[in-house]
Amino acid sequence: MRNADPFEMIDRHRDTIFRVLGLLALALIVFLVLRHLAMRQGGWGAAARRVRRELAISAHAFAAPVRSWARYRRTRSLLVRGLRRQTTWRDAERAVAAAREAAAPFGGIPYAVLVDDETVTVLLAGRDLPQADEAVPGTCWWTAPGDPPNHWTAARPDLPAVVPVPDLPHPVLVAVGARDGSCAFLDVAAGRRILTVQGDPRCVPALHQAIAAQLAARLPAGLVVVAEGVHHQYAGTEIRTAYRTAREMPTRHGIAPVLVAAELPDPLPPELTGPPESAPGPQIVLRGTGRGQRRTLTTDRHGRIALLGTPLVLEGNALSRAVARVLPDLPPVLPPVPPSAGRPDRVFAELDEEESVLLSGEDAEDDWGTTGGASRPPAAERDEREGEADAGADAGADADADAEKAAVAGEGAEEKTAVAGPGRRGAERPGPNRRGGERPRPGVAAAPAGRPAPRIPRP
């Protein structure tokens, strides 16, 4: 090594030495650039936090479509499973009626329902509603722990049997989305007469058409009037003609007609500017900004739906697809039963079963002249039997009258025979005539068809 020439060694390893020096220079330049950027951000700590935030945003941007697709599938499955069951709709209607009765002393008005597999929660509007932990004696006010004061919660098996009040409108529920594993319903008949749908231009038509399709499927035929511009494949009626038709349509069993429109008639009718109780008129489901007193449903580009002025915020990105799948299975709105003689109105199946049991017991106690506990014949069969009995009585009366006339004629013939003297012995005794029949006795009329001949003792 002492005799080695250093210049010769450098010349021999020149490429390696220049490569190492270049890498060190590059690392120094990168360090200086990073230090400059970090100092501009406020130091090394601020720069590190900025880098972490940017990485999280990038990860969220790549994962958002996957999460949105999974949320859409989950919401659609929940809505299809819940809306296809008729018990979901019936429990929601019973809960609205029960909550309205419970909140009547406090001035509460139910406007929405959340139904899951176990409980039903009704959202109410009011100022003096009791708190969740406040017991109200003498009422059926039920709340769950942690619920705000404008919620009325009950287990689905514990829903009370409710008889509808004729003076109050029957609830008309439509599905508007899902929240926390529950199907959300909005009562169209409660509150303001106009319900507007506003928000993102791509999501508003889908929500508006989903509500219109549910109303057309659940309400009686002819009670929903669709104006032009609601759907591109449905012509509809001109808005002023459609409003006039809906206004002149009578209310059926407490259910008002509904007008589905893309705009309001111009000029605005005066009954739409006043409160709902000022003048009778149809319910209006409007797309876009409305005028007068109204309720507003808003939707954004992510499919979230909110009812302005209330805590109701829902996931509605899959509502239109779910409604399209379950539309043939939607149950109709049950109108109040017309009042019958001496019996209260019944709407729900539970009350109908109880009433049938009671009526069967009453019929068993009545005496209809049958043995073995036979049930009372139907009304139509009873009327038919009574008609046959009346017809038989009339025929018997006519036959008796004919018999009396024949008896009088026979007595006259006997008198003539006695005056003329005795004739042939065969004329005095009955016997077969030339046609093979029995010759009638003197003074006895022939028995009418279908009746046995009277027995006369021989002398």
Foldseek 3Di string as FASTA:
>chain_A
DVPDDPVVVCVVCVVVVVVVVVVVVVVVVVVVVVQVVQVVLPHPVSVVVVVVVVVVVVVCVVCVVVVLVVVLVVFLVLLLVQQLDQLNVVLQQLVQQQVCVQCVVQPWHWWKWWDAPWKIKTFIDGDRADAQPDDDPPGPQHHDPPDGRRIGMDTSVPRDFDADDQVDARFDWAFQFHDPRITMIGGLRDDFQEEEEDEDPVVRLLRLVLRLLLCCLAEDPPLEAEAAPSDPVDGGHHQVVSQVSQFPDDDDLRAGREYEYAAHDPPHDPCQQDGCVPDPGHRYYYYDDDDHDYWYWYAYPSQWIDTPPDPDIHRGPNSSVSCVVSSVSRYHRFRWDPDDPPDGIHTDPVVVVVVVVVVQVVQQPDCPPDPPSDGDDDPVVVVVVVVVVVVVVVVVVVQVVVFVVQLVVLVVVVVVCVVVDDDDPCVQDWDADPVRHTRDHRSGDDHDPPDDGDDDDDD
